[in-house]
Amino acid sequence: MKNIKAIIFDAYGTLFDVNSAAEKCKDKIGDKWEGFANFWRTTQLEYTWLRSLMKRHKDFWQITEDSLDKSMKVFNIDPSMKNELLNLYRFLSPFEEVPETLKKLRKRDFKLAILSNGTPSLLNELVKNNKLENLFDDIFSIEEVGTYKPDSKVYDLPIKKYEIKSNQVVFLSANTWDVSGGGNYGYQSIWVNRNNNIFDNLDYKTKNEVRNLNELLNLI
């Protein structure tokens, strides 16, 4: 991987554990907490895609709440827990290796940025809460273009800001549809496959796959 100018990270599921909000409530939710967390995340993503197709945009925080409402009903979660779960989503935990890996990358000559579906305020709050605010040059939100990944308008954002070519970006995501979206756009996409999942068939196959962000240090 040569001639790299920027390393761009997806946020949710890649830097931050989207299941950590429900996990912090597992004593109240019980054994179904993980199934509930996965359903919440899947519904959240489906709503971003559907709203993009329908051109009925809502920001990510509103979609997070809407998908939580459905998920709580499906899993019969006490409605009084809604505000607690939403508040915990603002404090998602980073994966264990993330802070140290970012610090090491910060010492190298790359632009480091987040490119996410999240709202600017939500992303900034999440980064600040985890004391990562000094490690990124930029935090790009889809709100700048008003549509969700994998629309090419989203992947345009860092290219226009840094005035670089698409193949000068290394893009990391734990979501295979996002890896494919970035890869089809022209990024050098890397799949962060933490859970030994199967890659989707979306006309793109990444050349590089890592189990965690530490392994990125050996590729660049």
Protein backbone atom coordinates (compact mmCIF):
# COMPACT_ATOMS: atom_id res chain seq x y z
CA MET A 1 0.00 0.00 0.00
CA LYS A 2 1.92 2.99 -1.36
CA ASN A 3 1.37 6.67 -2.01
CA ILE A 4 -1.14 6.90 0.85
CA LYS A 5 -2.13 10.42 1.89
CA ALA A 6 -5.04 9.74 4.26
CA ILE A 7 -6.32 6.99 6.53
CA ILE A 8 -10.07 7.22 6.99
CA PHE A 9 -12.06 5.23 9.55
CA ASP A 10 -15.71 4.38 9.79
CA ALA A 11 -16.86 5.04 13.36
CA TYR A 12 -19.65 2.67 14.39
CA GLY A 13 -18.53 -0.94 14.62
CA THR A 14 -15.01 -0.05 13.47
CA LEU A 15 -13.66 2.33 16.12
CA PHE A 16 -16.54 2.08 18.58
CA ASP A 17 -18.44 -0.98 19.80
CA VAL A 18 -22.09 -0.42 18.87
CA ASN A 19 -23.18 -3.22 21.20
CA SER A 20 -21.61 -1.63 24.26
CA ALA A 21 -24.73 0.43 25.08
CA ALA A 22 -26.94 -2.66 25.44
CA GLU A 23 -24.14 -4.61 27.11
CA LYS A 24 -23.99 -2.04 29.90
CA CYS A 25 -27.67 -2.83 30.54
CA LYS A 26 -27.42 -6.62 30.24
CA ASP A 27 -28.31 -7.15 33.91
CA LYS A 28 -31.66 -5.46 33.24
CA ILE A 29 -32.24 -6.85 29.74
CA GLY A 30 -31.11 -10.39 30.50
CA ASP A 31 -29.70 -13.04 28.17
CA LYS A 32 -31.41 -11.50 25.14
CA TRP A 33 -29.26 -8.36 25.34
CA GLU A 34 -26.92 -9.38 22.51
CA GLY A 35 -29.72 -10.38 20.13
CA PHE A 36 -31.45 -7.11 20.95
CA ALA A 37 -28.25 -5.11 20.33
CA ASN A 38 -27.68 -6.78 16.96
CA PHE A 39 -31.29 -6.22 15.91
CA TRP A 40 -31.09 -2.55 16.91
CA ARG A 41 -27.96 -2.10 14.80
CA THR A 42 -29.38 -3.93 11.78
CA THR A 43 -32.62 -1.93 11.91
CA GLN A 44 -30.65 1.30 12.26
CA LEU A 45 -28.67 0.53 9.09
CA GLU A 46 -31.76 -0.55 7.17
CA TYR A 47 -33.42 2.76 8.01
CA THR A 48 -30.43 4.72 6.66
CA TRP A 49 -30.56 2.87 3.36
CA LEU A 50 -34.33 3.04 3.01
CA ARG A 51 -34.49 6.73 3.83
CA SER A 52 -31.75 7.43 1.31
CA LEU A 53 -33.68 5.57 -1.38
CA MET A 54 -36.95 7.28 -0.46
CA LYS A 55 -35.19 10.66 -0.18
CA ARG A 56 -36.79 11.09 3.24
CA HIS A 57 -33.72 12.07 5.23
CA LYS A 58 -33.55 12.00 8.99
CA ASP A 59 -30.30 12.48 10.85
CA PHE A 60 -28.55 9.53 12.45
CA TRP A 61 -29.66 10.34 15.98
CA GLN A 62 -33.32 10.37 14.94
CA ILE A 63 -32.82 7.08 13.10
CA THR A 64 -31.10 5.61 16.15
CA GLU A 65 -34.14 6.49 18.25
CA ASP A 66 -36.63 5.20 15.66
CA SER A 67 -34.78 1.89 15.31
CA LEU A 68 -34.55 1.59 19.09
CA ASP A 69 -38.33 2.01 19.40
CA LYS A 70 -38.92 -0.91 17.04
CA SER A 71 -36.23 -3.08 18.62
CA MET A 72 -37.58 -2.59 22.15
CA LYS A 73 -41.02 -3.67 20.99
CA VAL A 74 -39.68 -6.74 19.17
CA PHE A 75 -37.66 -7.86 22.21
CA ASN A 76 -40.24 -6.74 24.77
CA ILE A 77 -37.85 -4.40 26.56
CA ASP A 78 -39.28 -2.20 29.32
CA PRO A 79 -40.11 1.17 27.63
CA SER A 80 -38.75 3.02 30.66
CA MET A 81 -35.24 1.97 29.56
CA LYS A 82 -35.37 3.97 26.33
CA ASN A 83 -33.68 7.13 27.61
CA GLU A 84 -31.01 5.13 29.41
CA LEU A 85 -30.13 3.21 26.24
CA LEU A 86 -30.09 6.34 24.11
CA ASN A 87 -27.85 8.13 26.58
CA LEU A 88 -25.43 5.19 26.66
CA TYR A 89 -25.19 5.38 22.86
CA ARG A 90 -23.44 8.71 23.36
CA PHE A 91 -20.80 6.89 25.42
CA LEU A 92 -20.03 3.88 23.23
CA SER A 93 -16.72 2.27 24.15
CA PRO A 94 -13.84 2.13 21.66
CA PHE A 95 -12.42 -1.28 20.88
CA GLU A 96 -9.46 -2.06 23.11
CA GLU A 97 -6.65 -1.45 20.61
CA VAL A 98 -8.08 1.72 19.06
CA PRO A 99 -6.51 4.48 21.21
CA GLU A 100 -2.96 3.10 21.06
CA THR A 101 -3.14 2.36 17.33
CA LEU A 102 -4.36 5.88 16.57
CA LYS A 103 -1.54 7.35 18.66
CA LYS A 104 1.02 5.39 16.64
CA LEU A 105 -0.55 6.43 13.34
CA ARG A 106 -0.62 10.05 14.50
CA LYS A 107 3.19 10.00 14.49
CA ARG A 108 3.24 9.13 10.80
CA ASP A 109 2.71 11.47 7.88
CA PHE A 110 -0.95 10.77 7.12
CA LYS A 111 -4.18 12.63 7.46
CA LEU A 112 -6.36 10.76 9.97
CA ALA A 113 -10.12 11.19 9.83
CA ILE A 114 -13.49 9.65 10.59
CA LEU A 115 -16.11 9.29 7.83
CA SER A 116 -19.41 8.36 9.41
CA ASN A 117 -23.19 8.30 9.21
CA GLY A 118 -23.28 10.00 12.62
CA THR A 119 -24.23 13.63 13.14
CA PRO A 120 -21.34 16.06 13.74
CA SER A 121 -22.38 16.72 17.34
CA LEU A 122 -22.79 13.02 18.13
CA LEU A 123 -19.41 12.11 16.62
CA ASN A 124 -17.59 14.97 18.31
CA GLU A 125 -19.15 14.05 21.64
CA LEU A 126 -18.24 10.37 21.18
CA VAL A 127 -14.64 11.18 20.31
CA LYS A 128 -14.32 13.63 23.21
CA ASN A 129 -15.90 11.26 25.72
CA ASN A 130 -13.24 8.68 24.84
CA LYS A 131 -10.39 11.26 24.90
CA LEU A 132 -9.54 10.78 21.22
CA GLU A 133 -10.15 14.34 20.06
CA ASN A 134 -6.48 15.17 19.44
CA LEU A 135 -5.90 12.16 17.19
CA PHE A 136 -7.99 13.17 14.15
CA ASP A 137 -7.51 15.88 11.56
CA ASP A 138 -11.18 15.81 10.58
CA ILE A 139 -14.50 14.21 11.41
CA PHE A 140 -16.62 13.95 8.26
CA SER A 141 -20.37 13.44 8.66
CA ILE A 142 -22.87 12.44 5.97
CA GLU A 143 -24.92 15.43 7.11
CA GLU A 144 -22.68 17.53 4.85
CA VAL A 145 -24.34 15.90 1.82
CA GLY A 146 -27.68 14.82 3.31
CA THR A 147 -27.57 11.15 2.34
CA TYR A 148 -26.10 8.01 3.82
CA LYS A 149 -23.32 5.62 2.87
CA PRO A 150 -22.72 3.99 0.47
CA ASP A 151 -23.67 6.99 -1.70
CA SER A 152 -20.57 8.22 -3.54
CA LYS A 153 -21.28 11.77 -2.36
CA VAL A 154 -20.21 10.65 1.11
CA TYR A 155 -16.92 9.16 -0.06
CA ASP A 156 -16.26 12.40 -1.97
CA LEU A 157 -15.96 14.39 1.26
CA PRO A 158 -12.32 13.69 2.23
CA ILE A 159 -11.22 13.70 -1.40
CA LYS A 160 -12.47 17.25 -1.87
CA LYS A 161 -11.15 18.46 1.49
CA TYR A 162 -7.63 17.05 1.04
CA GLU A 163 -7.49 17.49 -2.75
CA ILE A 164 -6.20 13.97 -3.28
CA LYS A 165 -7.10 10.99 -5.46
CA SER A 166 -9.42 8.25 -4.25
CA ASN A 167 -6.68 5.61 -4.41
CA GLN A 168 -4.58 7.69 -2.01
CA VAL A 169 -7.07 6.89 0.76
CA VAL A 170 -6.92 3.84 2.96
CA PHE A 171 -10.44 3.28 4.27
CA LEU A 172 -11.25 0.94 7.14
CA SER A 173 -14.66 -0.38 8.08
CA ALA A 174 -16.08 -3.35 9.93
CA ASN A 175 -19.14 -3.25 7.67
CA THR A 176 -18.62 -5.18 4.44
CA TRP A 177 -21.18 -3.06 2.54
CA ASP A 178 -19.16 0.03 3.56
CA VAL A 179 -15.87 -1.60 2.55
CA SER A 180 -17.45 -2.36 -0.83
CA GLY A 181 -18.90 1.13 -1.10
CA GLY A 182 -15.52 2.72 -0.48
CA GLY A 183 -13.72 0.19 -2.65
CA ASN A 184 -16.05 0.63 -5.61
CA TYR A 185 -15.57 4.39 -5.22
CA GLY A 186 -11.80 3.95 -5.52
CA TYR A 187 -10.50 3.81 -1.96
CA GLN A 188 -8.01 1.18 -0.87
CA SER A 189 -10.53 -0.41 1.46
CA ILE A 190 -9.61 -2.70 4.33
CA TRP A 191 -12.10 -4.91 6.12
CA VAL A 192 -11.87 -4.97 9.92
CA ASN A 193 -13.25 -8.47 10.48
CA ARG A 194 -13.33 -8.82 14.25
CA ASN A 195 -15.84 -11.67 14.34
CA ASN A 196 -14.77 -13.95 11.49
CA ASN A 197 -17.75 -12.97 9.34
CA ILE A 198 -18.40 -13.63 5.64
CA PHE A 199 -17.86 -10.86 3.09
CA ASP A 200 -20.85 -9.67 1.05
CA ASN A 201 -21.04 -10.08 -2.74
CA LEU A 202 -21.18 -6.45 -3.88
CA ASP A 203 -18.78 -6.30 -6.84
CA TYR A 204 -15.76 -5.59 -4.66
CA LYS A 205 -13.31 -7.81 -2.85
CA THR A 206 -10.80 -6.20 -0.54
CA LYS A 207 -7.15 -7.17 -0.91
CA ASN A 208 -6.56 -6.69 2.80
CA GLU A 209 -8.42 -7.94 5.84
CA VAL A 210 -7.45 -7.38 9.48
CA ARG A 211 -8.80 -8.74 12.73
CA ASN A 212 -8.18 -5.48 14.58
CA LEU A 213 -6.61 -2.10 13.95
CA ASN A 214 -3.21 -3.17 15.31
CA GLU A 215 -2.71 -5.21 12.13
CA LEU A 216 -3.04 -2.03 10.05
CA LEU A 217 0.39 -0.93 11.31
CA ASN A 218 1.99 -3.82 9.43
CA LEU A 219 0.27 -2.98 6.13
CA ILE A 220 1.23 0.67 5.76
